[in-house]
Amino acid sequence: MKIYPQQIICKHCDSLYTRKSVRPGEAAHCPRCRAVLYRGSWLSLEQWFALTLTAALFFIIANVFPVLEIGFHGQSQAATLWQTAMALAHSYASPLAIPVALLMIVCPCLQILLLGWVLFHACRKKAAPGFASAMRLLAGLAPWSMAEVALLSILIAAIKLSGLVEITTGPGTWALLGLCMLLPVINHQDFQPLWTLKTLRGYRP
């Protein structure tokens, strides 16, 4: 397949343009429909990769450490994100367990792993093995990664239960907050320049 990394198509009107460099924070607009074509990034590849590694660390903490600890009459019970999904699976809301696990755990995990894989090789001026498949899967996962929904659900549950039991936020909640702040940053960078890697000598799809 022939790759034209310097060409970009407007997603709204299908007009074709040649990419031009823009300064960080600036945006290139389609002259025909005024839609944003791409934005200048403040991040270098190395910084992008570093933030992705940080997101991976937050994700691990959010899934290993408790997000909430519930205390009642001297007894306490802590729950991680995975335990929350498992609790749903064993309740009357069991049909929601799989969507919850996919949207709040599996999809963000795949996003971070795939992006880290691509950027690790990009920082070495190489295209990652399976680059094209990874990029297509990243584009497909973007609308389905909903870590922020998990955080919102935890906060709502904490507020509603605070009058009945003692609620303590665990390290997982703060890690999830950090993850929700980082995911939009790393996922809304301009991915198009990464396709130039596919034209590098020695690339293998």
N, C-alpha and C. Protein backbone atom coordinates (compact mmCIF):
# COMPACT_ATOMS: atom_id res chain seq x y z
N MET A 1 0.84 -1.20 0.00
CA MET A 1 0.00 0.00 0.00
C MET A 1 0.88 1.24 0.00
N LYS A 2 0.60 2.16 -0.89
CA LYS A 2 1.37 3.39 -0.99
C LYS A 2 0.95 4.36 0.11
N ILE A 3 1.94 4.93 0.81
CA ILE A 3 1.67 5.86 1.90
C ILE A 3 2.09 7.26 1.48
N TYR A 4 1.20 8.24 1.77
CA TYR A 4 1.50 9.64 1.50
C TYR A 4 1.42 10.42 2.81
N PRO A 5 2.47 10.36 3.64
CA PRO A 5 2.40 10.95 4.98
C PRO A 5 2.24 12.46 5.00
N GLN A 6 2.59 13.13 3.90
CA GLN A 6 2.48 14.59 3.87
C GLN A 6 1.11 15.07 3.38
N GLN A 7 0.23 14.12 3.04
CA GLN A 7 -1.11 14.48 2.59
C GLN A 7 -2.10 14.25 3.72
N ILE A 8 -3.11 15.10 3.79
CA ILE A 8 -4.14 14.95 4.82
C ILE A 8 -5.50 15.24 4.19
N ILE A 9 -6.48 14.44 4.57
CA ILE A 9 -7.84 14.58 4.05
C ILE A 9 -8.73 15.12 5.17
N CYS A 10 -9.50 16.13 4.86
CA CYS A 10 -10.46 16.68 5.82
C CYS A 10 -11.52 15.62 6.13
N LYS A 11 -11.76 15.36 7.40
CA LYS A 11 -12.73 14.35 7.79
C LYS A 11 -14.16 14.77 7.53
N HIS A 12 -14.38 16.07 7.31
CA HIS A 12 -15.74 16.58 7.15
C HIS A 12 -16.15 16.76 5.69
N CYS A 13 -15.21 17.21 4.84
CA CYS A 13 -15.60 17.46 3.45
C CYS A 13 -14.74 16.70 2.44
N ASP A 14 -13.80 15.88 2.92
CA ASP A 14 -12.96 15.03 2.06
C ASP A 14 -12.01 15.81 1.15
N SER A 15 -11.74 17.06 1.47
CA SER A 15 -10.77 17.82 0.68
C SER A 15 -9.35 17.34 1.02
N LEU A 16 -8.50 17.35 0.02
CA LEU A 16 -7.13 16.86 0.19
C LEU A 16 -6.16 18.04 0.25
N TYR A 17 -5.24 17.99 1.23
CA TYR A 17 -4.27 19.07 1.41
C TYR A 17 -2.89 18.48 1.69
N THR A 18 -1.88 19.30 1.46
CA THR A 18 -0.51 18.95 1.84
C THR A 18 -0.23 19.56 3.21
N ARG A 19 0.29 18.73 4.10
CA ARG A 19 0.57 19.20 5.46
C ARG A 19 1.67 20.27 5.44
N LYS A 20 1.47 21.28 6.27
CA LYS A 20 2.48 22.30 6.47
C LYS A 20 2.76 22.40 7.97
N SER A 21 3.95 22.80 8.31
CA SER A 21 4.31 22.89 9.72
C SER A 21 3.55 24.03 10.39
N VAL A 22 3.09 23.77 11.60
CA VAL A 22 2.42 24.79 12.42
C VAL A 22 3.12 24.85 13.77
N ARG A 23 3.07 26.00 14.38
CA ARG A 23 3.71 26.16 15.67
C ARG A 23 2.90 25.49 16.77
N PRO A 24 3.55 25.10 17.87
CA PRO A 24 2.82 24.47 18.97
C PRO A 24 1.64 25.31 19.43
N GLY A 25 0.48 24.64 19.55
CA GLY A 25 -0.73 25.32 19.98
C GLY A 25 -1.57 25.88 18.85
N GLU A 26 -0.97 26.03 17.66
CA GLU A 26 -1.73 26.53 16.52
C GLU A 26 -2.44 25.38 15.82
N ALA A 27 -3.46 25.72 15.03
CA ALA A 27 -4.23 24.71 14.32
C ALA A 27 -4.31 25.05 12.85
N ALA A 28 -4.30 24.01 12.01
CA ALA A 28 -4.51 24.18 10.57
C ALA A 28 -5.98 23.88 10.28
N HIS A 29 -6.64 24.80 9.57
CA HIS A 29 -8.07 24.65 9.28
C HIS A 29 -8.29 24.37 7.79
N CYS A 30 -9.35 23.65 7.52
CA CYS A 30 -9.76 23.39 6.14
C CYS A 30 -10.33 24.68 5.55
N PRO A 31 -9.77 25.19 4.44
CA PRO A 31 -10.31 26.42 3.84
C PRO A 31 -11.74 26.28 3.34
N ARG A 32 -12.15 25.05 3.07
CA ARG A 32 -13.47 24.83 2.51
C ARG A 32 -14.57 24.82 3.58
N CYS A 33 -14.35 24.08 4.68
CA CYS A 33 -15.41 23.95 5.70
C CYS A 33 -14.98 24.47 7.06
N ARG A 34 -13.75 24.93 7.18
CA ARG A 34 -13.21 25.53 8.40
C ARG A 34 -13.04 24.53 9.54
N ALA A 35 -13.11 23.24 9.26
CA ALA A 35 -12.86 22.23 10.29
C ALA A 35 -11.36 22.19 10.62
N VAL A 36 -11.04 21.78 11.83
CA VAL A 36 -9.63 21.66 12.24
C VAL A 36 -9.04 20.42 11.60
N LEU A 37 -7.96 20.59 10.86
CA LEU A 37 -7.28 19.46 10.21
C LEU A 37 -6.29 18.81 11.16
N TYR A 38 -5.48 19.61 11.81
CA TYR A 38 -4.50 19.11 12.79
C TYR A 38 -4.01 20.29 13.61
N ARG A 39 -3.36 19.97 14.72
CA ARG A 39 -2.83 20.99 15.61
C ARG A 39 -1.34 20.78 15.83
N GLY A 40 -0.65 21.86 16.07
CA GLY A 40 0.76 21.78 16.41
C GLY A 40 0.93 21.29 17.84
N SER A 41 1.77 20.30 18.04
CA SER A 41 1.92 19.67 19.35
C SER A 41 3.00 20.38 20.18
N TRP A 42 2.72 20.47 21.47
CA TRP A 42 3.72 21.00 22.40
C TRP A 42 4.72 19.92 22.80
N LEU A 43 4.40 18.67 22.49
CA LEU A 43 5.20 17.55 22.98
C LEU A 43 6.10 16.98 21.89
N SER A 44 7.31 16.64 22.28
CA SER A 44 8.19 15.86 21.40
C SER A 44 7.81 14.39 21.53
N LEU A 45 8.34 13.55 20.67
CA LEU A 45 8.06 12.11 20.77
C LEU A 45 8.49 11.56 22.12
N GLU A 46 9.64 12.01 22.61
CA GLU A 46 10.15 11.53 23.89
C GLU A 46 9.23 11.93 25.04
N GLN A 47 8.74 13.17 24.99
CA GLN A 47 7.82 13.63 26.04
C GLN A 47 6.49 12.88 25.96
N TRP A 48 6.02 12.65 24.74
CA TRP A 48 4.79 11.88 24.53
C TRP A 48 4.93 10.47 25.11
N PHE A 49 6.07 9.85 24.84
CA PHE A 49 6.33 8.50 25.35
C PHE A 49 6.42 8.51 26.88
N ALA A 50 7.06 9.53 27.45
CA ALA A 50 7.19 9.63 28.90
C ALA A 50 5.82 9.76 29.56
N LEU A 51 4.93 10.56 28.98
CA LEU A 51 3.59 10.70 29.53
C LEU A 51 2.80 9.40 29.40
N THR A 52 3.04 8.65 28.32
CA THR A 52 2.38 7.36 28.16
C THR A 52 2.84 6.37 29.22
N LEU A 53 4.13 6.37 29.53
CA LEU A 53 4.65 5.52 30.61
C LEU A 53 4.05 5.92 31.95
N THR A 54 3.90 7.22 32.17
CA THR A 54 3.28 7.70 33.41
C THR A 54 1.84 7.24 33.49
N ALA A 55 1.11 7.31 32.36
CA ALA A 55 -0.28 6.83 32.33
C ALA A 55 -0.33 5.33 32.64
N ALA A 56 0.65 4.57 32.12
CA ALA A 56 0.70 3.13 32.41
C ALA A 56 0.89 2.89 33.90
N LEU A 57 1.74 3.68 34.54
CA LEU A 57 1.96 3.55 35.98
C LEU A 57 0.68 3.87 36.75
N PHE A 58 0.00 4.95 36.37
CA PHE A 58 -1.27 5.29 37.02
C PHE A 58 -2.30 4.18 36.83
N PHE A 59 -2.32 3.59 35.63
CA PHE A 59 -3.28 2.53 35.35
C PHE A 59 -3.02 1.31 36.25
N ILE A 60 -1.76 0.95 36.41
CA ILE A 60 -1.42 -0.19 37.27
C ILE A 60 -1.85 0.07 38.71
N ILE A 61 -1.53 1.27 39.21
CA ILE A 61 -1.90 1.62 40.59
C ILE A 61 -3.42 1.61 40.75
N ALA A 62 -4.13 2.14 39.75
CA ALA A 62 -5.59 2.21 39.84
C ALA A 62 -6.24 0.84 39.86
N ASN A 63 -5.55 -0.17 39.30
CA ASN A 63 -6.12 -1.52 39.24
C ASN A 63 -5.59 -2.45 40.31
N VAL A 64 -4.51 -2.07 40.97
CA VAL A 64 -3.93 -2.91 42.02
C VAL A 64 -4.37 -2.45 43.41
N PHE A 65 -4.41 -1.14 43.60
CA PHE A 65 -4.77 -0.58 44.91
C PHE A 65 -6.26 -0.24 44.96
N PRO A 66 -6.83 -0.24 46.18
CA PRO A 66 -8.27 0.04 46.33
C PRO A 66 -8.63 1.44 45.85
N VAL A 67 -9.81 1.54 45.24
CA VAL A 67 -10.33 2.86 44.86
C VAL A 67 -11.21 3.42 45.97
N LEU A 68 -11.89 2.53 46.68
CA LEU A 68 -12.73 2.95 47.81
C LEU A 68 -12.58 1.95 48.94
N GLU A 69 -12.68 2.47 50.17
CA GLU A 69 -12.74 1.61 51.35
C GLU A 69 -13.98 2.00 52.13
N ILE A 70 -14.83 1.01 52.37
CA ILE A 70 -16.11 1.24 53.05
C ILE A 70 -16.03 0.69 54.46
N GLY A 71 -16.31 1.54 55.43
CA GLY A 71 -16.30 1.12 56.83
C GLY A 71 -17.69 1.16 57.43
N PHE A 72 -18.01 0.11 58.21
CA PHE A 72 -19.34 0.04 58.84
C PHE A 72 -19.24 -0.78 60.12
N HIS A 73 -19.56 -0.16 61.24
CA HIS A 73 -19.53 -0.82 62.55
C HIS A 73 -18.18 -1.46 62.83
N GLY A 74 -17.13 -0.73 62.56
CA GLY A 74 -15.80 -1.22 62.87
C GLY A 74 -15.20 -2.16 61.85
N GLN A 75 -15.98 -2.55 60.87
CA GLN A 75 -15.47 -3.43 59.81
C GLN A 75 -15.32 -2.61 58.53
N SER A 76 -14.31 -2.98 57.74
CA SER A 76 -14.06 -2.25 56.49
C SER A 76 -13.84 -3.22 55.34
N GLN A 77 -14.18 -2.76 54.17
CA GLN A 77 -14.02 -3.55 52.94
C GLN A 77 -13.50 -2.64 51.84
N ALA A 78 -12.37 -3.02 51.23
CA ALA A 78 -11.80 -2.23 50.15
C ALA A 78 -12.07 -2.92 48.82
N ALA A 79 -12.13 -2.12 47.76
CA ALA A 79 -12.43 -2.67 46.43
C ALA A 79 -11.57 -1.98 45.38
N THR A 80 -11.03 -2.78 44.47
CA THR A 80 -10.31 -2.25 43.31
C THR A 80 -11.28 -2.18 42.13
N LEU A 81 -10.80 -1.64 41.02
CA LEU A 81 -11.67 -1.58 39.83
C LEU A 81 -12.09 -2.97 39.37
N TRP A 82 -11.14 -3.91 39.38
CA TRP A 82 -11.46 -5.27 38.95
C TRP A 82 -12.49 -5.90 39.87
N GLN A 83 -12.32 -5.67 41.19
CA GLN A 83 -13.27 -6.23 42.14
C GLN A 83 -14.66 -5.62 41.97
N THR A 84 -14.70 -4.36 41.56
CA THR A 84 -15.98 -3.72 41.28
C THR A 84 -16.69 -4.40 40.12
N ALA A 85 -15.93 -4.68 39.05
CA ALA A 85 -16.51 -5.38 37.90
C ALA A 85 -16.96 -6.78 38.28
N MET A 86 -16.17 -7.47 39.11
CA MET A 86 -16.53 -8.83 39.54
C MET A 86 -17.77 -8.80 40.42
N ALA A 87 -17.89 -7.76 41.26
CA ALA A 87 -19.09 -7.65 42.10
C ALA A 87 -20.34 -7.46 41.25
N LEU A 88 -20.21 -6.69 40.16
CA LEU A 88 -21.34 -6.53 39.25
C LEU A 88 -21.72 -7.87 38.62
N ALA A 89 -20.69 -8.68 38.30
CA ALA A 89 -20.95 -9.97 37.65
C ALA A 89 -21.74 -10.92 38.54
N HIS A 90 -21.63 -10.72 39.86
CA HIS A 90 -22.32 -11.61 40.80
C HIS A 90 -23.56 -10.96 41.40
N SER A 91 -24.05 -9.89 40.78
CA SER A 91 -25.22 -9.21 41.28
C SER A 91 -26.33 -9.25 40.24
N TYR A 92 -27.45 -8.59 40.55
CA TYR A 92 -28.56 -8.53 39.60
C TYR A 92 -28.19 -7.72 38.36
N ALA A 93 -27.10 -6.95 38.44
CA ALA A 93 -26.66 -6.14 37.30
C ALA A 93 -25.55 -6.84 36.51
N SER A 94 -25.55 -8.16 36.54
CA SER A 94 -24.49 -8.92 35.88
C SER A 94 -24.32 -8.63 34.40
N PRO A 95 -25.40 -8.30 33.63
CA PRO A 95 -25.19 -7.98 32.21
C PRO A 95 -24.29 -6.76 32.00
N LEU A 96 -24.16 -5.92 33.03
CA LEU A 96 -23.32 -4.72 32.89
C LEU A 96 -21.86 -4.99 33.17
N ALA A 97 -21.55 -6.15 33.72
CA ALA A 97 -20.18 -6.43 34.14
C ALA A 97 -19.19 -6.40 32.97
N ILE A 98 -19.55 -7.04 31.86
CA ILE A 98 -18.64 -7.10 30.72
C ILE A 98 -18.44 -5.72 30.08
N PRO A 99 -19.53 -4.95 29.81
CA PRO A 99 -19.30 -3.59 29.28
C PRO A 99 -18.47 -2.72 30.22
N VAL A 100 -18.72 -2.84 31.52
CA VAL A 100 -17.95 -2.04 32.49
C VAL A 100 -16.47 -2.40 32.42
N ALA A 101 -16.19 -3.70 32.41
CA ALA A 101 -14.79 -4.14 32.36
C ALA A 101 -14.12 -3.70 31.06
N LEU A 102 -14.85 -3.78 29.95
CA LEU A 102 -14.28 -3.41 28.66
C LEU A 102 -14.01 -1.91 28.57
N LEU A 103 -15.00 -1.10 28.95
CA LEU A 103 -14.89 0.34 28.76
C LEU A 103 -13.98 1.01 29.78
N MET A 104 -13.94 0.49 30.99
CA MET A 104 -13.19 1.15 32.06
C MET A 104 -11.83 0.54 32.32
N ILE A 105 -11.61 -0.69 31.86
CA ILE A 105 -10.34 -1.37 32.16
C ILE A 105 -9.64 -1.84 30.89
N VAL A 106 -10.30 -2.66 30.10
CA VAL A 106 -9.65 -3.30 28.96
C VAL A 106 -9.27 -2.28 27.88
N CYS A 107 -10.20 -1.42 27.49
CA CYS A 107 -9.92 -0.45 26.42
C CYS A 107 -8.80 0.53 26.80
N PRO A 108 -8.84 1.15 28.00
CA PRO A 108 -7.71 2.02 28.36
C PRO A 108 -6.38 1.27 28.41
N CYS A 109 -6.42 0.02 28.89
CA CYS A 109 -5.19 -0.77 28.95
C CYS A 109 -4.62 -1.00 27.55
N LEU A 110 -5.47 -1.40 26.61
CA LEU A 110 -5.02 -1.63 25.24
C LEU A 110 -4.50 -0.34 24.61
N GLN A 111 -5.18 0.78 24.87
CA GLN A 111 -4.73 2.07 24.34
C GLN A 111 -3.32 2.39 24.80
N ILE A 112 -3.09 2.26 26.10
CA ILE A 112 -1.78 2.61 26.66
C ILE A 112 -0.71 1.67 26.14
N LEU A 113 -1.01 0.37 26.08
CA LEU A 113 -0.02 -0.60 25.61
C LEU A 113 0.34 -0.36 24.14
N LEU A 114 -0.67 -0.17 23.30
CA LEU A 114 -0.42 0.03 21.87
C LEU A 114 0.32 1.33 21.61
N LEU A 115 -0.09 2.39 22.28
CA LEU A 115 0.57 3.68 22.09
C LEU A 115 2.01 3.62 22.59
N GLY A 116 2.22 2.98 23.73
CA GLY A 116 3.58 2.81 24.24
C GLY A 116 4.46 2.02 23.28
N TRP A 117 3.89 0.98 22.68
CA TRP A 117 4.61 0.14 21.72
C TRP A 117 5.03 0.95 20.49
N VAL A 118 4.09 1.74 19.96
CA VAL A 118 4.39 2.55 18.78
C VAL A 118 5.41 3.64 19.09
N LEU A 119 5.23 4.33 20.23
CA LEU A 119 6.11 5.45 20.57
C LEU A 119 7.50 4.98 20.98
N PHE A 120 7.59 3.81 21.59
CA PHE A 120 8.90 3.27 21.97
C PHE A 120 9.78 3.11 20.73
N HIS A 121 9.20 2.57 19.67
CA HIS A 121 9.97 2.40 18.44
C HIS A 121 10.14 3.73 17.70
N ALA A 122 9.13 4.61 17.81
CA ALA A 122 9.24 5.90 17.14
C ALA A 122 10.39 6.72 17.72
N CYS A 123 10.60 6.63 19.03
CA CYS A 123 11.71 7.34 19.67
C CYS A 123 13.06 6.82 19.19
N ARG A 124 13.07 5.61 18.67
CA ARG A 124 14.29 5.02 18.11
C ARG A 124 14.34 5.18 16.59
N LYS A 125 13.45 6.02 16.07
CA LYS A 125 13.37 6.31 14.63
C LYS A 125 13.06 5.05 13.83
N LYS A 126 12.20 4.21 14.38
CA LYS A 126 11.80 2.99 13.70
C LYS A 126 10.29 2.85 13.77
N ALA A 127 9.75 2.09 12.84
CA ALA A 127 8.33 1.76 12.89
C ALA A 127 8.16 0.46 13.66
N ALA A 128 7.22 0.44 14.56
CA ALA A 128 6.99 -0.75 15.39
C ALA A 128 6.48 -1.91 14.54
N PRO A 129 6.86 -3.14 14.88
CA PRO A 129 6.25 -4.30 14.22
C PRO A 129 4.74 -4.27 14.41
N GLY A 130 4.01 -4.52 13.34
CA GLY A 130 2.55 -4.44 13.41
C GLY A 130 2.06 -3.02 13.52
N PHE A 131 2.86 -2.06 13.01
CA PHE A 131 2.55 -0.64 13.16
C PHE A 131 1.17 -0.28 12.60
N ALA A 132 0.89 -0.68 11.38
CA ALA A 132 -0.37 -0.29 10.74
C ALA A 132 -1.57 -0.84 11.51
N SER A 133 -1.50 -2.08 11.94
CA SER A 133 -2.60 -2.67 12.71
C SER A 133 -2.77 -1.96 14.05
N ALA A 134 -1.64 -1.65 14.70
CA ALA A 134 -1.70 -0.95 15.98
C ALA A 134 -2.34 0.43 15.84
N MET A 135 -1.99 1.14 14.78
CA MET A 135 -2.55 2.48 14.57
C MET A 135 -4.05 2.41 14.28
N ARG A 136 -4.47 1.44 13.49
CA ARG A 136 -5.90 1.30 13.20
C ARG A 136 -6.68 0.93 14.46
N LEU A 137 -6.09 0.05 15.27
CA LEU A 137 -6.76 -0.36 16.51
C LEU A 137 -6.83 0.80 17.50
N LEU A 138 -5.79 1.62 17.54
CA LEU A 138 -5.82 2.80 18.40
C LEU A 138 -6.95 3.75 18.01
N ALA A 139 -7.11 3.95 16.70
CA ALA A 139 -8.18 4.83 16.22
C ALA A 139 -9.56 4.26 16.58
N GLY A 140 -9.69 2.94 16.52
CA GLY A 140 -10.97 2.32 16.85
C GLY A 140 -11.27 2.32 18.34
N LEU A 141 -10.22 2.27 19.17
CA LEU A 141 -10.41 2.22 20.62
C LEU A 141 -10.73 3.58 21.23
N ALA A 142 -10.31 4.64 20.55
CA ALA A 142 -10.42 5.99 21.13
C ALA A 142 -11.82 6.32 21.67
N PRO A 143 -12.91 6.04 20.93
CA PRO A 143 -14.23 6.43 21.47
C PRO A 143 -14.70 5.54 22.63
N TRP A 144 -14.04 4.39 22.84
CA TRP A 144 -14.53 3.42 23.81
C TRP A 144 -13.74 3.39 25.11
N SER A 145 -12.73 4.22 25.21
CA SER A 145 -11.93 4.27 26.44
C SER A 145 -12.59 5.27 27.38
N MET A 146 -13.10 4.79 28.51
CA MET A 146 -13.91 5.65 29.39
C MET A 146 -13.47 5.55 30.84
N ALA A 147 -12.18 5.79 31.07
CA ALA A 147 -11.70 5.79 32.45
C ALA A 147 -12.35 6.88 33.27
N GLU A 148 -12.69 8.00 32.62
CA GLU A 148 -13.31 9.11 33.34
C GLU A 148 -14.70 8.73 33.84
N VAL A 149 -15.37 7.80 33.14
CA VAL A 149 -16.68 7.33 33.60
C VAL A 149 -16.51 6.54 34.89
N ALA A 150 -15.44 5.76 34.98
CA ALA A 150 -15.16 5.00 36.20
C ALA A 150 -14.94 5.95 37.37
N LEU A 151 -14.17 7.02 37.14
CA LEU A 151 -13.91 7.99 38.20
C LEU A 151 -15.20 8.67 38.64
N LEU A 152 -16.02 9.07 37.67
CA LEU A 152 -17.29 9.72 37.99
C LEU A 152 -18.20 8.79 38.78
N SER A 153 -18.24 7.51 38.40
CA SER A 153 -19.06 6.53 39.11
C SER A 153 -18.61 6.36 40.55
N ILE A 154 -17.28 6.34 40.75
CA ILE A 154 -16.74 6.20 42.11
C ILE A 154 -17.11 7.40 42.97
N LEU A 155 -17.00 8.60 42.40
CA LEU A 155 -17.33 9.81 43.16
C LEU A 155 -18.81 9.86 43.51
N ILE A 156 -19.67 9.47 42.56
CA ILE A 156 -21.12 9.47 42.83
C ILE A 156 -21.45 8.45 43.92
N ALA A 157 -20.83 7.26 43.83
CA ALA A 157 -21.08 6.24 44.85
C ALA A 157 -20.61 6.71 46.22
N ALA A 158 -19.44 7.37 46.25
CA ALA A 158 -18.91 7.86 47.53
C ALA A 158 -19.84 8.90 48.15
N ILE A 159 -20.37 9.80 47.32
CA ILE A 159 -21.26 10.85 47.82
C ILE A 159 -22.58 10.25 48.33
N LYS A 160 -23.13 9.31 47.57
CA LYS A 160 -24.42 8.73 47.95
C LYS A 160 -24.31 7.87 49.21
N LEU A 161 -23.18 7.19 49.39
CA LEU A 161 -23.03 6.29 50.53
C LEU A 161 -22.45 6.97 51.76
N SER A 162 -21.96 8.19 51.59
CA SER A 162 -21.27 8.85 52.70
C SER A 162 -22.17 9.08 53.92
N GLY A 163 -23.48 9.19 53.69
CA GLY A 163 -24.40 9.38 54.81
C GLY A 163 -24.75 8.09 55.54
N LEU A 164 -24.43 6.96 54.94
CA LEU A 164 -24.78 5.66 55.54
C LEU A 164 -23.58 4.94 56.14
N VAL A 165 -22.46 5.03 55.47
CA VAL A 165 -21.24 4.34 55.92
C VAL A 165 -20.06 5.28 55.82
N GLU A 166 -18.96 4.86 56.39
CA GLU A 166 -17.73 5.65 56.33
C GLU A 166 -16.99 5.33 55.03
N ILE A 167 -16.76 6.35 54.21
CA ILE A 167 -16.12 6.17 52.91
C ILE A 167 -14.74 6.81 52.92
N THR A 168 -13.75 6.03 52.47
CA THR A 168 -12.39 6.54 52.35
C THR A 168 -11.89 6.27 50.94
N THR A 169 -11.42 7.30 50.26
CA THR A 169 -10.85 7.09 48.94
C THR A 169 -9.46 6.49 49.07
N GLY A 170 -9.19 5.48 48.25
CA GLY A 170 -7.91 4.81 48.29
C GLY A 170 -6.95 5.35 47.25
N PRO A 171 -5.72 4.82 47.24
CA PRO A 171 -4.72 5.25 46.25
C PRO A 171 -5.20 5.06 44.82
N GLY A 172 -6.04 4.05 44.60
CA GLY A 172 -6.55 3.80 43.26
C GLY A 172 -7.37 4.94 42.70
N THR A 173 -8.10 5.63 43.57
CA THR A 173 -8.91 6.77 43.12
C THR A 173 -8.03 7.91 42.62
N TRP A 174 -6.96 8.19 43.38
CA TRP A 174 -6.07 9.28 42.98
C TRP A 174 -5.29 8.92 41.72
N ALA A 175 -4.93 7.64 41.61
CA ALA A 175 -4.26 7.19 40.38
C ALA A 175 -5.20 7.29 39.19
N LEU A 176 -6.48 6.96 39.42
CA LEU A 176 -7.48 7.05 38.35
C LEU A 176 -7.68 8.51 37.94
N LEU A 177 -7.62 9.41 38.90
CA LEU A 177 -7.72 10.84 38.59
C LEU A 177 -6.56 11.28 37.71
N GLY A 178 -5.34 10.84 38.08
CA GLY A 178 -4.18 11.17 37.25
C GLY A 178 -4.29 10.58 35.86
N LEU A 179 -4.81 9.35 35.78
CA LEU A 179 -4.99 8.70 34.48
C LEU A 179 -5.98 9.46 33.62
N CYS A 180 -7.07 9.93 34.23
CA CYS A 180 -8.09 10.68 33.48
C CYS A 180 -7.55 12.01 32.97
N MET A 181 -6.55 12.56 33.66
CA MET A 181 -5.94 13.81 33.20
C MET A 181 -4.94 13.56 32.08
N LEU A 182 -4.28 12.40 32.12
CA LEU A 182 -3.24 12.11 31.13
C LEU A 182 -3.78 11.53 29.83
N LEU A 183 -4.81 10.69 29.91
CA LEU A 183 -5.32 10.03 28.71
C LEU A 183 -5.74 11.01 27.61
N PRO A 184 -6.48 12.08 27.94
CA PRO A 184 -6.82 13.04 26.87
C PRO A 184 -5.59 13.70 26.24
N VAL A 185 -4.56 13.90 27.05
CA VAL A 185 -3.35 14.53 26.53
C VAL A 185 -2.64 13.62 25.54
N ILE A 186 -2.43 12.36 25.92
CA ILE A 186 -1.67 11.46 25.04
C ILE A 186 -2.49 10.96 23.86
N ASN A 187 -3.82 10.93 24.01
CA ASN A 187 -4.66 10.41 22.92
C ASN A 187 -5.09 11.48 21.92
N HIS A 188 -4.91 12.76 22.25
CA HIS A 188 -5.33 13.81 21.35
C HIS A 188 -4.16 14.51 20.68
N GLN A 189 -3.01 13.86 20.69
CA GLN A 189 -1.89 14.35 19.90
C GLN A 189 -2.13 14.02 18.43
N ASP A 190 -1.37 14.64 17.57
CA ASP A 190 -1.49 14.40 16.13
C ASP A 190 -0.76 13.11 15.78
N PHE A 191 -1.52 12.07 15.43
CA PHE A 191 -0.94 10.77 15.11
C PHE A 191 -0.40 10.70 13.68
N GLN A 192 -0.83 11.62 12.83
CA GLN A 192 -0.48 11.54 11.43
C GLN A 192 1.02 11.48 11.16
N PRO A 193 1.85 12.29 11.85
CA PRO A 193 3.29 12.22 11.57
C PRO A 193 3.90 10.85 11.84
N LEU A 194 3.26 10.05 12.71
CA LEU A 194 3.81 8.72 12.99
C LEU A 194 3.76 7.83 11.75
N TRP A 195 2.84 8.14 10.82
CA TRP A 195 2.75 7.32 9.61
C TRP A 195 3.97 7.51 8.71
N THR A 196 4.75 8.57 8.92
CA THR A 196 5.97 8.72 8.15
C THR A 196 6.95 7.60 8.45
N LEU A 197 6.79 6.97 9.63
CA LEU A 197 7.68 5.87 10.00
C LEU A 197 7.51 4.69 9.05
N LYS A 198 6.32 4.56 8.50
CA LYS A 198 6.06 3.43 7.61
C LYS A 198 6.83 3.54 6.30
N THR A 199 7.28 4.73 5.98
CA THR A 199 8.04 4.92 4.75
C THR A 199 9.54 4.76 4.98
N LEU A 200 9.91 4.52 6.27
CA LEU A 200 11.34 4.39 6.55
C LEU A 200 11.89 3.11 5.97
N ARG A 201 13.14 3.15 5.67
CA ARG A 201 13.80 1.98 5.11
C ARG A 201 13.83 0.87 6.16
N GLY A 202 13.52 -0.33 5.73
CA GLY A 202 13.56 -1.48 6.63
C GLY A 202 12.26 -1.70 7.39
N TYR A 203 11.24 -0.90 7.08
CA TYR A 203 9.96 -1.10 7.76
C TYR A 203 9.34 -2.43 7.36
N ARG A 204 8.77 -3.10 8.38
CA ARG A 204 8.05 -4.36 8.12
C ARG A 204 6.68 -4.25 8.76
N PRO A 205 5.61 -4.40 8.01
CA PRO A 205 4.25 -4.28 8.57
C PRO A 205 3.95 -5.43 9.53
